[in-house]
Structure formats: structure tokens, C-alpha cells
Amino acid sequence: MQILHKTPLDQLFVLDIETVPCVGCHDDLNDMLRQLWEHKCHALRREKGWSSSRADVEAMPSALEAASLFEQAGIYAEFGRVVCISVGCFTFDKQEEQWRFRVKSFADHDEPTMLRGFSALLARKPGFLLCAHNGKEFDFPYLGRRLLINGLPLPPQLDIAGRKPWEVNHIDTMELWKFGDRKSYTSLSLLAAMFNIPTPKDDITGADVARVYYTDNDLPRIIHYCQKDIITTARLVQKFRGEEPFPDDAVIYADTVYTALRRV
């Protein structure tokens, strides 16, 4: 892929985010957000083939009630929040003549603290591009929205509102795989299987993150899952370039910025 060969690997930040609903359950929403979530649910129900007009003749399935649908709230920046951001960058080891991949995670129960640390990293490297799987539709806009909601400035890489699509140079491995096709979503796990890359979903999946966070109170497990995602994405980038991915012993784990006990 020409676009990947034009982009030096050592000028990429490969990232992934993990998000959860803004509160642990639907009952914890304040009155205003509860009303707004119910309004959002009307659209979600229509997407699932349920019309409000049917309520006169049959009961709504429990899976479509606002409380049940709230399990999905984490994917919407207005009703969710970020609990972990993992970032990786390539470095070339001249002595070993191989690429290494340095991994760092920002995770905190206090979202503004985590976002400040992440933004500071991006601000130090304004020339770096971002890379993620489905990043242009999820990770990048989600981060930008949560930064603004928390009253924080946008780092250069995320200050992209109003730009035309061809003016946003970030790399999205899912977009690259589409080859212009807009009909389907291809998961990172599926592409990993196609290219014989170890799957990042051997423990939990994105659907489990809210439960692991709110019920199990296990943020380190989420961090580990998030890190596996960026390692897989980075290896996929190398496959797209026609190169062999870096081995496990080439991964360098930096100190994770994580406050284990702080709750808000």
C-alpha cells in the first residue's frame, strides 16, 4: 500500500481506546441525561426494527428497554467516557537491525487526568500521525469530543474538525482494508486471523469492558487488553507494507500511567 510506504513507521502513534458508559447503570443517570438517553433509544430501536407504533399492539422486548440499551452507552462520547488509552510507536534497533514497538498506556478513573497525560504526549510530537483500526469513525472523534467535554485543548493531531477527508492524513487500517468498499465492517480480530497474527481477543472483548470496569473493578485487565489491540494493529500495518511483523520480544512496555485506587 503506497500510503503506508510514504509514512515512516517511526512517525506513527498507533493507538486504541477503551470506553465505558458514563455511570455504572441506567438508574445512576441524572434526570436530564436519563431523558436524553431515552430520546437516543428511539433511534436505536428503529435501527433494530422496532417502531414505537408497535407498542400499542405488543410489548417492547426487554432488550430494547432504555436500561438494557444503556450497556451500549460507552460507544457514544456524549454518554460514555474513556478509561484507557494505549499508544505505541515504532523504533528501529540498528544493532539488531529490526523494528521494536514501544507501548505506553494512560489509564485512570479520573478521565481529565488521563486525557491530559495523553494530550501532552501528542503535543510533544506534533508531526506524528495517528493510526488505529476504525480510528476515523471511533477513536479519533471520540477522543476529540471527550477532550472538549472535559474543557481540555485539542492536541494538533485531533484538531481536525472541519477538514475535508483528504486533509486528514491519519492511518485507519479498517479504511485501508475496504479499498473503497463502504458496505461492511471488518474487525481487527478477523484481519488478524487472515494474516496469521495472534488474536487480541483471547481474554475479553470490547463488549466485556464495562462489566470488567464497573463490576470486577479490574482496570489493569482492561489495560492489558487495550495494549494487545495496538500491538495487533501495528503488526497489521507491517503486513500491509509487505513486511514481517515484529516478534513478541521486540515489544517494550513503558511505565503505565495509572492511578489504581482513585475513584470519582
C-alpha atoms as a PDB file:
ATOM      1  CA  MET A   1       0.000   0.000   0.000  1.00  0.00           C
ATOM      2  CA  GLN A   2       1.573   3.202  -1.244  1.00  0.00           C
ATOM      3  CA  ILE A   3       0.239   5.429   1.518  1.00  0.00           C
ATOM      4  CA  LEU A   4       1.912   3.289   4.178  1.00  0.00           C
ATOM      5  CA  HIS A   5       5.259   3.317   2.395  1.00  0.00           C
ATOM      6  CA  LYS A   6       5.076   7.110   2.237  1.00  0.00           C
ATOM      7  CA  THR A   7       4.622   7.270   6.011  1.00  0.00           C
ATOM      8  CA  PRO A   8       7.740   6.488   8.077  1.00  0.00           C
ATOM      9  CA  LEU A   9       6.877   3.891  10.713  1.00  0.00           C
ATOM     10  CA  ASP A  10       8.796   5.827  13.341  1.00  0.00           C
ATOM     11  CA  GLN A  11       6.458   8.805  12.887  1.00  0.00           C
ATOM     12  CA  LEU A  12       3.275   6.927  13.770  1.00  0.00           C
ATOM     13  CA  PHE A  13       1.401   6.739  17.042  1.00  0.00           C
ATOM     14  CA  VAL A  14      -0.648   3.514  16.986  1.00  0.00           C
ATOM     15  CA  LEU A  15      -3.472   3.853  19.473  1.00  0.00           C
ATOM     16  CA  ASP A  16      -6.603   2.253  20.862  1.00  0.00           C
ATOM     17  CA  ILE A  17      -9.091   3.411  23.463  1.00  0.00           C
ATOM     18  CA  GLU A  18     -11.379   1.575  25.847  1.00  0.00           C
ATOM     19  CA  THR A  19     -14.627   3.253  26.803  1.00  0.00           C
ATOM     20  CA  VAL A  20     -17.460   2.595  29.256  1.00  0.00           C
ATOM     21  CA  PRO A  21     -20.858   4.165  29.989  1.00  0.00           C
ATOM     22  CA  CYS A  22     -20.554   7.399  31.965  1.00  0.00           C
ATOM     23  CA  VAL A  23     -22.093   5.727  35.032  1.00  0.00           C
ATOM     24  CA  GLY A  24     -22.346   2.131  36.190  1.00  0.00           C
ATOM     25  CA  CYS A  25     -26.034   1.642  35.394  1.00  0.00           C
ATOM     26  CA  HIS A  26     -29.001   3.414  33.857  1.00  0.00           C
ATOM     27  CA  ASP A  27     -30.515   4.197  37.275  1.00  0.00           C
ATOM     28  CA  ASP A  28     -27.444   6.304  38.148  1.00  0.00           C
ATOM     29  CA  LEU A  29     -28.094   8.802  35.336  1.00  0.00           C
ATOM     30  CA  ASN A  30     -29.340  12.230  36.398  1.00  0.00           C
ATOM     31  CA  ASP A  31     -32.813  13.230  35.251  1.00  0.00           C
ATOM     32  CA  MET A  32     -31.645  15.237  32.243  1.00  0.00           C
ATOM     33  CA  LEU A  33     -29.329  12.538  30.913  1.00  0.00           C
ATOM     34  CA  ARG A  34     -31.973   9.881  31.515  1.00  0.00           C
ATOM     35  CA  GLN A  35     -34.405  11.815  29.320  1.00  0.00           C
ATOM     36  CA  LEU A  36     -31.777  12.369  26.638  1.00  0.00           C
ATOM     37  CA  TRP A  37     -30.824   8.699  26.691  1.00  0.00           C
ATOM     38  CA  GLU A  38     -34.452   7.732  26.201  1.00  0.00           C
ATOM     39  CA  HIS A  39     -34.511  10.011  23.151  1.00  0.00           C
ATOM     40  CA  LYS A  40     -31.369   8.271  21.856  1.00  0.00           C
ATOM     41  CA  CYS A  41     -33.049   4.912  22.420  1.00  0.00           C
ATOM     42  CA  HIS A  42     -35.795   5.791  19.944  1.00  0.00           C
ATOM     43  CA  ALA A  43     -33.169   5.837  17.179  1.00  0.00           C
ATOM     44  CA  LEU A  44     -31.505   2.669  18.458  1.00  0.00           C
ATOM     45  CA  ARG A  45     -34.822   0.819  18.458  1.00  0.00           C
ATOM     46  CA  ARG A  46     -35.560   1.901  14.901  1.00  0.00           C
ATOM     47  CA  GLU A  47     -32.170   0.550  13.859  1.00  0.00           C
ATOM     48  CA  LYS A  48     -33.183  -2.779  15.367  1.00  0.00           C
ATOM     49  CA  GLY A  49     -36.509  -2.778  13.509  1.00  0.00           C
ATOM     50  CA  TRP A  50     -38.763  -1.694  16.371  1.00  0.00           C
ATOM     51  CA  SER A  51     -41.196   1.177  15.841  1.00  0.00           C
ATOM     52  CA  SER A  52     -42.911   2.981  18.715  1.00  0.00           C
ATOM     53  CA  SER A  53     -46.208   2.476  16.900  1.00  0.00           C
ATOM     54  CA  ARG A  54     -45.934  -1.251  17.656  1.00  0.00           C
ATOM     55  CA  ALA A  55     -46.208  -0.546  21.383  1.00  0.00           C
ATOM     56  CA  ASP A  56     -49.992  -0.357  21.009  1.00  0.00           C
ATOM     57  CA  VAL A  57     -50.232  -3.990  19.897  1.00  0.00           C
ATOM     58  CA  GLU A  58     -47.278  -5.758  21.507  1.00  0.00           C
ATOM     59  CA  ALA A  59     -44.947  -5.318  24.443  1.00  0.00           C
ATOM     60  CA  MET A  60     -41.492  -3.945  23.824  1.00  0.00           C
ATOM     61  CA  PRO A  61     -38.794  -6.644  24.166  1.00  0.00           C
ATOM     62  CA  SER A  62     -36.824  -6.206  27.379  1.00  0.00           C
ATOM     63  CA  ALA A  63     -33.603  -5.979  25.346  1.00  0.00           C
ATOM     64  CA  LEU A  64     -34.871  -2.706  23.848  1.00  0.00           C
ATOM     65  CA  GLU A  65     -35.706  -1.023  27.137  1.00  0.00           C
ATOM     66  CA  ALA A  66     -33.597   2.029  27.969  1.00  0.00           C
ATOM     67  CA  ALA A  67     -31.851   0.289  30.864  1.00  0.00           C
ATOM     68  CA  SER A  68     -30.845  -2.667  28.684  1.00  0.00           C
ATOM     69  CA  LEU A  69     -29.675  -0.485  25.806  1.00  0.00           C
ATOM     70  CA  PHE A  70     -27.563   1.536  28.248  1.00  0.00           C
ATOM     71  CA  GLU A  71     -24.994  -1.246  28.073  1.00  0.00           C
ATOM     72  CA  GLN A  72     -24.116   0.250  24.667  1.00  0.00           C
ATOM     73  CA  ALA A  73     -23.739   3.798  26.007  1.00  0.00           C
ATOM     74  CA  GLY A  74     -19.957   3.590  26.155  1.00  0.00           C
ATOM     75  CA  ILE A  75     -19.623   3.817  22.369  1.00  0.00           C
ATOM     76  CA  TYR A  76     -21.187   7.300  22.370  1.00  0.00           C
ATOM     77  CA  ALA A  77     -18.951  10.128  23.571  1.00  0.00           C
ATOM     78  CA  GLU A  78     -21.970  12.009  24.943  1.00  0.00           C
ATOM     79  CA  PHE A  79     -22.986   9.111  27.221  1.00  0.00           C
ATOM     80  CA  GLY A  80     -19.635   7.392  27.793  1.00  0.00           C
ATOM     81  CA  ARG A  81     -16.096   8.087  28.864  1.00  0.00           C
ATOM     82  CA  VAL A  82     -12.580   6.841  28.244  1.00  0.00           C
ATOM     83  CA  VAL A  83     -10.891   4.658  30.856  1.00  0.00           C
ATOM     84  CA  CYS A  84      -7.757   3.616  28.952  1.00  0.00           C
ATOM     85  CA  ILE A  85      -5.691   4.899  26.034  1.00  0.00           C
ATOM     86  CA  SER A  86      -2.820   2.737  24.820  1.00  0.00           C
ATOM     87  CA  VAL A  87      -0.265   4.252  22.478  1.00  0.00           C
ATOM     88  CA  GLY A  88       2.583   2.545  20.657  1.00  0.00           C
ATOM     89  CA  CYS A  89       5.400   3.755  18.440  1.00  0.00           C
ATOM     90  CA  PHE A  90       7.962   2.018  16.245  1.00  0.00           C
ATOM     91  CA  THR A  91      11.681   2.405  16.873  1.00  0.00           C
ATOM     92  CA  PHE A  92      14.371   0.822  14.725  1.00  0.00           C
ATOM     93  CA  ASP A  93      17.097  -1.064  16.582  1.00  0.00           C
ATOM     94  CA  LYS A  94      20.162  -0.510  14.408  1.00  0.00           C
ATOM     95  CA  GLN A  95      22.251  -3.001  16.363  1.00  0.00           C
ATOM     96  CA  GLU A  96      19.705  -5.817  15.970  1.00  0.00           C
ATOM     97  CA  GLU A  97      18.507  -4.490  12.596  1.00  0.00           C
ATOM     98  CA  GLN A  98      14.852  -4.892  13.499  1.00  0.00           C
ATOM     99  CA  TRP A  99      11.827  -2.837  14.452  1.00  0.00           C
ATOM    100  CA  ARG A 100      10.828  -2.630  18.084  1.00  0.00           C
ATOM    101  CA  PHE A 101       7.471  -1.441  19.346  1.00  0.00           C
ATOM    102  CA  ARG A 102       7.231   0.709  22.456  1.00  0.00           C
ATOM    103  CA  VAL A 103       3.910   0.586  24.338  1.00  0.00           C
ATOM    104  CA  LYS A 104       2.581   3.069  26.877  1.00  0.00           C
ATOM    105  CA  SER A 105      -0.878   3.223  28.446  1.00  0.00           C
ATOM    106  CA  PHE A 106      -2.761   6.054  30.077  1.00  0.00           C
ATOM    107  CA  ALA A 107      -5.480   4.800  32.408  1.00  0.00           C
ATOM    108  CA  ASP A 108      -7.236   6.496  35.280  1.00  0.00           C
ATOM    109  CA  HIS A 109     -10.619   6.556  36.966  1.00  0.00           C
ATOM    110  CA  ASP A 110     -10.362  10.343  36.622  1.00  0.00           C
ATOM    111  CA  GLU A 111     -10.810  10.937  32.892  1.00  0.00           C
ATOM    112  CA  PRO A 112      -9.393  14.512  32.711  1.00  0.00           C
ATOM    113  CA  THR A 113      -6.152  13.397  34.364  1.00  0.00           C
ATOM    114  CA  MET A 114      -5.745  10.602  31.819  1.00  0.00           C
ATOM    115  CA  LEU A 115      -6.588  12.839  28.850  1.00  0.00           C
ATOM    116  CA  ARG A 116      -4.085  15.489  29.940  1.00  0.00           C
ATOM    117  CA  GLY A 117      -1.282  12.950  30.007  1.00  0.00           C
ATOM    118  CA  PHE A 118      -2.223  11.606  26.589  1.00  0.00           C
ATOM    119  CA  SER A 119      -2.521  15.098  25.084  1.00  0.00           C
ATOM    120  CA  ALA A 120       0.882  16.071  26.466  1.00  0.00           C
ATOM    121  CA  LEU A 121       2.429  13.109  24.645  1.00  0.00           C
ATOM    122  CA  LEU A 122       0.849  14.124  21.334  1.00  0.00           C
ATOM    123  CA  ALA A 123       1.812  17.770  21.813  1.00  0.00           C
ATOM    124  CA  ARG A 124       5.465  16.777  22.176  1.00  0.00           C
ATOM    125  CA  LYS A 125       5.332  15.070  18.749  1.00  0.00           C
ATOM    126  CA  PRO A 126       3.115  17.327  16.581  1.00  0.00           C
ATOM    127  CA  GLY A 127       4.469  15.801  13.366  1.00  0.00           C
ATOM    128  CA  PHE A 128       3.411  12.266  14.269  1.00  0.00           C
ATOM    129  CA  LEU A 129       0.352  10.791  12.565  1.00  0.00           C
ATOM    130  CA  LEU A 130      -2.205   8.671  14.396  1.00  0.00           C
ATOM    131  CA  CYS A 131      -3.058   5.101  13.434  1.00  0.00           C
ATOM    132  CA  ALA A 132      -5.929   2.943  14.681  1.00  0.00           C
ATOM    133  CA  HIS A 133      -8.368   0.300  13.490  1.00  0.00           C
ATOM    134  CA  ASN A 134     -11.628   2.131  12.746  1.00  0.00           C
ATOM    135  CA  GLY A 135      -9.926   5.182  14.197  1.00  0.00           C
ATOM    136  CA  LYS A 136     -11.519   7.705  11.858  1.00  0.00           C
ATOM    137  CA  GLU A 137     -15.029   6.661  12.833  1.00  0.00           C
ATOM    138  CA  PHE A 138     -14.443   5.917  16.516  1.00  0.00           C
ATOM    139  CA  ASP A 139     -11.165   6.548  18.373  1.00  0.00           C
ATOM    140  CA  PHE A 140     -10.165   9.921  16.907  1.00  0.00           C
ATOM    141  CA  PRO A 141     -13.559  11.691  17.081  1.00  0.00           C
ATOM    142  CA  TYR A 142     -14.347  10.114  20.468  1.00  0.00           C
ATOM    143  CA  LEU A 143     -11.125  11.453  21.958  1.00  0.00           C
ATOM    144  CA  GLY A 144     -11.694  14.893  20.472  1.00  0.00           C
ATOM    145  CA  ARG A 145     -15.213  15.073  21.885  1.00  0.00           C
ATOM    146  CA  ARG A 146     -14.198  13.890  25.342  1.00  0.00           C
ATOM    147  CA  LEU A 147     -11.357  16.420  25.443  1.00  0.00           C
ATOM    148  CA  LEU A 148     -13.799  19.251  24.703  1.00  0.00           C
ATOM    149  CA  ILE A 149     -16.395  17.943  27.178  1.00  0.00           C
ATOM    150  CA  ASN A 150     -13.705  17.964  29.868  1.00  0.00           C
ATOM    151  CA  GLY A 151     -12.646  21.513  28.955  1.00  0.00           C
ATOM    152  CA  LEU A 152      -9.258  20.473  27.618  1.00  0.00           C
ATOM    153  CA  PRO A 153      -7.478  21.796  24.494  1.00  0.00           C
ATOM    154  CA  LEU A 154      -7.144  19.602  21.431  1.00  0.00           C
ATOM    155  CA  PRO A 155      -3.621  18.432  20.553  1.00  0.00           C
ATOM    156  CA  PRO A 156      -2.612  19.160  16.937  1.00  0.00           C
ATOM    157  CA  GLN A 157      -3.395  15.634  15.698  1.00  0.00           C
ATOM    158  CA  LEU A 158      -7.003  15.782  16.923  1.00  0.00           C
ATOM    159  CA  ASP A 159      -7.802  19.352  15.883  1.00  0.00           C
ATOM    160  CA  ILE A 160      -9.381  18.091  12.660  1.00  0.00           C
ATOM    161  CA  ALA A 161     -12.988  19.323  12.824  1.00  0.00           C
ATOM    162  CA  GLY A 162     -13.995  20.961   9.543  1.00  0.00           C
ATOM    163  CA  ARG A 163     -11.220  19.411   7.496  1.00  0.00           C
ATOM    164  CA  LYS A 164     -12.011  17.609   4.283  1.00  0.00           C
ATOM    165  CA  PRO A 165     -11.465  13.825   4.371  1.00  0.00           C
ATOM    166  CA  TRP A 166      -8.361  14.017   2.166  1.00  0.00           C
ATOM    167  CA  GLU A 167      -6.866  16.603   4.517  1.00  0.00           C
ATOM    168  CA  VAL A 168      -6.841  14.128   7.413  1.00  0.00           C
ATOM    169  CA  ASN A 169      -3.697  12.058   6.973  1.00  0.00           C
ATOM    170  CA  HIS A 170      -4.152   9.679   9.886  1.00  0.00           C
ATOM    171  CA  ILE A 171      -3.978   5.960   9.145  1.00  0.00           C
ATOM    172  CA  ASP A 172      -7.030   3.757   9.628  1.00  0.00           C
ATOM    173  CA  THR A 173      -6.326   0.074   8.988  1.00  0.00           C
ATOM    174  CA  MET A 174     -10.016  -0.723   8.563  1.00  0.00           C
ATOM    175  CA  GLU A 175     -10.387   2.033   5.966  1.00  0.00           C
ATOM    176  CA  LEU A 176      -7.321   0.765   4.103  1.00  0.00           C
ATOM    177  CA  TRP A 177      -8.767  -2.748   4.027  1.00  0.00           C
ATOM    178  CA  LYS A 178     -12.007  -1.513   2.478  1.00  0.00           C
ATOM    179  CA  PHE A 179     -10.252  -0.498  -0.775  1.00  0.00           C
ATOM    180  CA  GLY A 180     -13.082   1.987  -1.302  1.00  0.00           C
ATOM    181  CA  ASP A 181     -15.823  -0.505  -0.358  1.00  0.00           C
ATOM    182  CA  ARG A 182     -18.304   1.031   2.106  1.00  0.00           C
ATOM    183  CA  LYS A 183     -20.591  -1.934   2.655  1.00  0.00           C
ATOM    184  CA  SER A 184     -19.127  -3.736   5.625  1.00  0.00           C
ATOM    185  CA  TYR A 185     -17.165  -3.563   8.873  1.00  0.00           C
ATOM    186  CA  THR A 186     -14.126  -5.822   9.166  1.00  0.00           C
ATOM    187  CA  SER A 187     -12.978  -6.468  12.727  1.00  0.00           C
ATOM    188  CA  LEU A 188      -9.391  -6.381  13.872  1.00  0.00           C
ATOM    189  CA  SER A 189      -9.749  -9.986  15.026  1.00  0.00           C
ATOM    190  CA  LEU A 190     -10.789 -11.135  11.560  1.00  0.00           C
ATOM    191  CA  LEU A 191      -7.893  -9.372   9.870  1.00  0.00           C
ATOM    192  CA  ALA A 192      -5.513 -10.790  12.469  1.00  0.00           C
ATOM    193  CA  ALA A 193      -6.755 -14.276  11.589  1.00  0.00           C
ATOM    194  CA  MET A 194      -6.385 -13.620   7.849  1.00  0.00           C
ATOM    195  CA  PHE A 195      -2.767 -12.512   8.286  1.00  0.00           C
ATOM    196  CA  ASN A 196      -1.822 -15.112  10.919  1.00  0.00           C
ATOM    197  CA  ILE A 197      -1.322 -12.514  13.626  1.00  0.00           C
ATOM    198  CA  PRO A 198      -2.094 -13.611  17.214  1.00  0.00           C
ATOM    199  CA  THR A 199      -5.598 -12.516  18.147  1.00  0.00           C
ATOM    200  CA  PRO A 200      -6.026  -9.650  20.652  1.00  0.00           C
ATOM    201  CA  LYS A 201      -9.362 -11.112  21.817  1.00  0.00           C
ATOM    202  CA  ASP A 202      -8.098 -14.169  23.715  1.00  0.00           C
ATOM    203  CA  ASP A 203      -9.328 -12.861  27.072  1.00  0.00           C
ATOM    204  CA  ILE A 204     -12.084 -10.250  26.889  1.00  0.00           C
ATOM    205  CA  THR A 205     -13.739  -8.330  24.067  1.00  0.00           C
ATOM    206  CA  GLY A 206     -14.992  -4.771  23.795  1.00  0.00           C
ATOM    207  CA  ALA A 207     -18.427  -5.931  24.946  1.00  0.00           C
ATOM    208  CA  ASP A 208     -16.902  -7.034  28.270  1.00  0.00           C
ATOM    209  CA  VAL A 209     -15.080  -3.807  29.130  1.00  0.00           C
ATOM    210  CA  ALA A 210     -17.922  -2.100  31.020  1.00  0.00           C
ATOM    211  CA  ARG A 211     -18.532  -5.203  33.148  1.00  0.00           C
ATOM    212  CA  VAL A 212     -14.837  -5.639  33.901  1.00  0.00           C
ATOM    213  CA  TYR A 213     -14.604  -1.966  34.871  1.00  0.00           C
ATOM    214  CA  TYR A 214     -17.750  -1.437  36.922  1.00  0.00           C
ATOM    215  CA  THR A 215     -18.442  -4.935  38.282  1.00  0.00           C
ATOM    216  CA  ASP A 216     -14.994  -6.526  38.525  1.00  0.00           C
ATOM    217  CA  ASN A 217     -13.162  -3.237  39.217  1.00  0.00           C
ATOM    218  CA  ASP A 218     -10.262  -4.582  37.159  1.00  0.00           C
ATOM    219  CA  LEU A 219      -8.741  -1.705  35.224  1.00  0.00           C
ATOM    220  CA  PRO A 220      -5.362  -3.482  34.812  1.00  0.00           C
ATOM    221  CA  ARG A 221      -7.123  -6.228  32.836  1.00  0.00           C
ATOM    222  CA  ILE A 222      -8.578  -3.582  30.532  1.00  0.00           C
ATOM    223  CA  ILE A 223      -5.145  -2.013  30.094  1.00  0.00           C
ATOM    224  CA  HIS A 224      -3.690  -5.376  29.075  1.00  0.00           C
ATOM    225  CA  TYR A 225      -6.497  -5.930  26.568  1.00  0.00           C
ATOM    226  CA  CYS A 226      -6.034  -2.450  25.118  1.00  0.00           C
ATOM    227  CA  GLN A 227      -2.295  -2.971  24.728  1.00  0.00           C
ATOM    228  CA  LYS A 228      -2.858  -6.201  22.821  1.00  0.00           C
ATOM    229  CA  ASP A 229      -5.064  -4.297  20.383  1.00  0.00           C
ATOM    230  CA  ILE A 230      -2.372  -1.780  19.458  1.00  0.00           C
ATOM    231  CA  ILE A 231       0.260  -4.497  19.130  1.00  0.00           C
ATOM    232  CA  THR A 232      -2.043  -6.332  16.712  1.00  0.00           C
ATOM    233  CA  THR A 233      -2.781  -3.129  14.780  1.00  0.00           C
ATOM    234  CA  ALA A 234       0.927  -2.327  14.476  1.00  0.00           C
ATOM    235  CA  ARG A 235       1.646  -5.812  13.163  1.00  0.00           C
ATOM    236  CA  LEU A 236      -1.199  -5.441  10.685  1.00  0.00           C
ATOM    237  CA  VAL A 237       0.371  -2.210   9.406  1.00  0.00           C
ATOM    238  CA  GLN A 238       3.597  -4.114   8.765  1.00  0.00           C
ATOM    239  CA  LYS A 239       1.689  -6.846   6.937  1.00  0.00           C
ATOM    240  CA  PHE A 240       0.009  -4.210   4.773  1.00  0.00           C
ATOM    241  CA  ARG A 241       3.504  -2.934   3.924  1.00  0.00           C
ATOM    242  CA  GLY A 242       4.576  -6.428   2.890  1.00  0.00           C
ATOM    243  CA  GLU A 243       6.869  -6.826   5.885  1.00  0.00           C
ATOM    244  CA  GLU A 244       7.156  -9.425   8.606  1.00  0.00           C
ATOM    245  CA  PRO A 245       5.748  -8.194  11.926  1.00  0.00           C
ATOM    246  CA  PHE A 246       7.964  -7.668  14.941  1.00  0.00           C
ATOM    247  CA  PRO A 247       8.175 -10.644  17.367  1.00  0.00           C
ATOM    248  CA  ASP A 248       6.911 -10.647  20.937  1.00  0.00           C
ATOM    249  CA  ASP A 249      10.369  -9.985  22.365  1.00  0.00           C
ATOM    250  CA  ALA A 250      10.557  -6.750  20.356  1.00  0.00           C
ATOM    251  CA  VAL A 251       7.727  -5.197  22.392  1.00  0.00           C
ATOM    252  CA  ILE A 252       8.906  -2.719  25.031  1.00  0.00           C
ATOM    253  CA  TYR A 253       6.448  -1.811  27.781  1.00  0.00           C
ATOM    254  CA  ALA A 254       6.927   1.657  29.208  1.00  0.00           C
ATOM    255  CA  ASP A 255       5.612   2.551  32.641  1.00  0.00           C
ATOM    256  CA  THR A 256       1.830   2.682  32.578  1.00  0.00           C
ATOM    257  CA  VAL A 257       0.373   5.937  33.840  1.00  0.00           C
ATOM    258  CA  TYR A 258      -2.288   4.526  36.118  1.00  0.00           C
ATOM    259  CA  THR A 259      -3.794   5.562  39.441  1.00  0.00           C
ATOM    260  CA  ALA A 260      -5.008   2.291  40.867  1.00  0.00           C
ATOM    261  CA  LEU A 261      -7.204   3.375  43.737  1.00  0.00           C
ATOM    262  CA  ARG A 262      -8.588   6.781  42.821  1.00  0.00           C
ATOM    263  CA  ARG A 263     -12.327   6.834  42.204  1.00  0.00           C
ATOM    264  CA  VAL A 264     -14.560   9.770  41.275  1.00  0.00           C
END
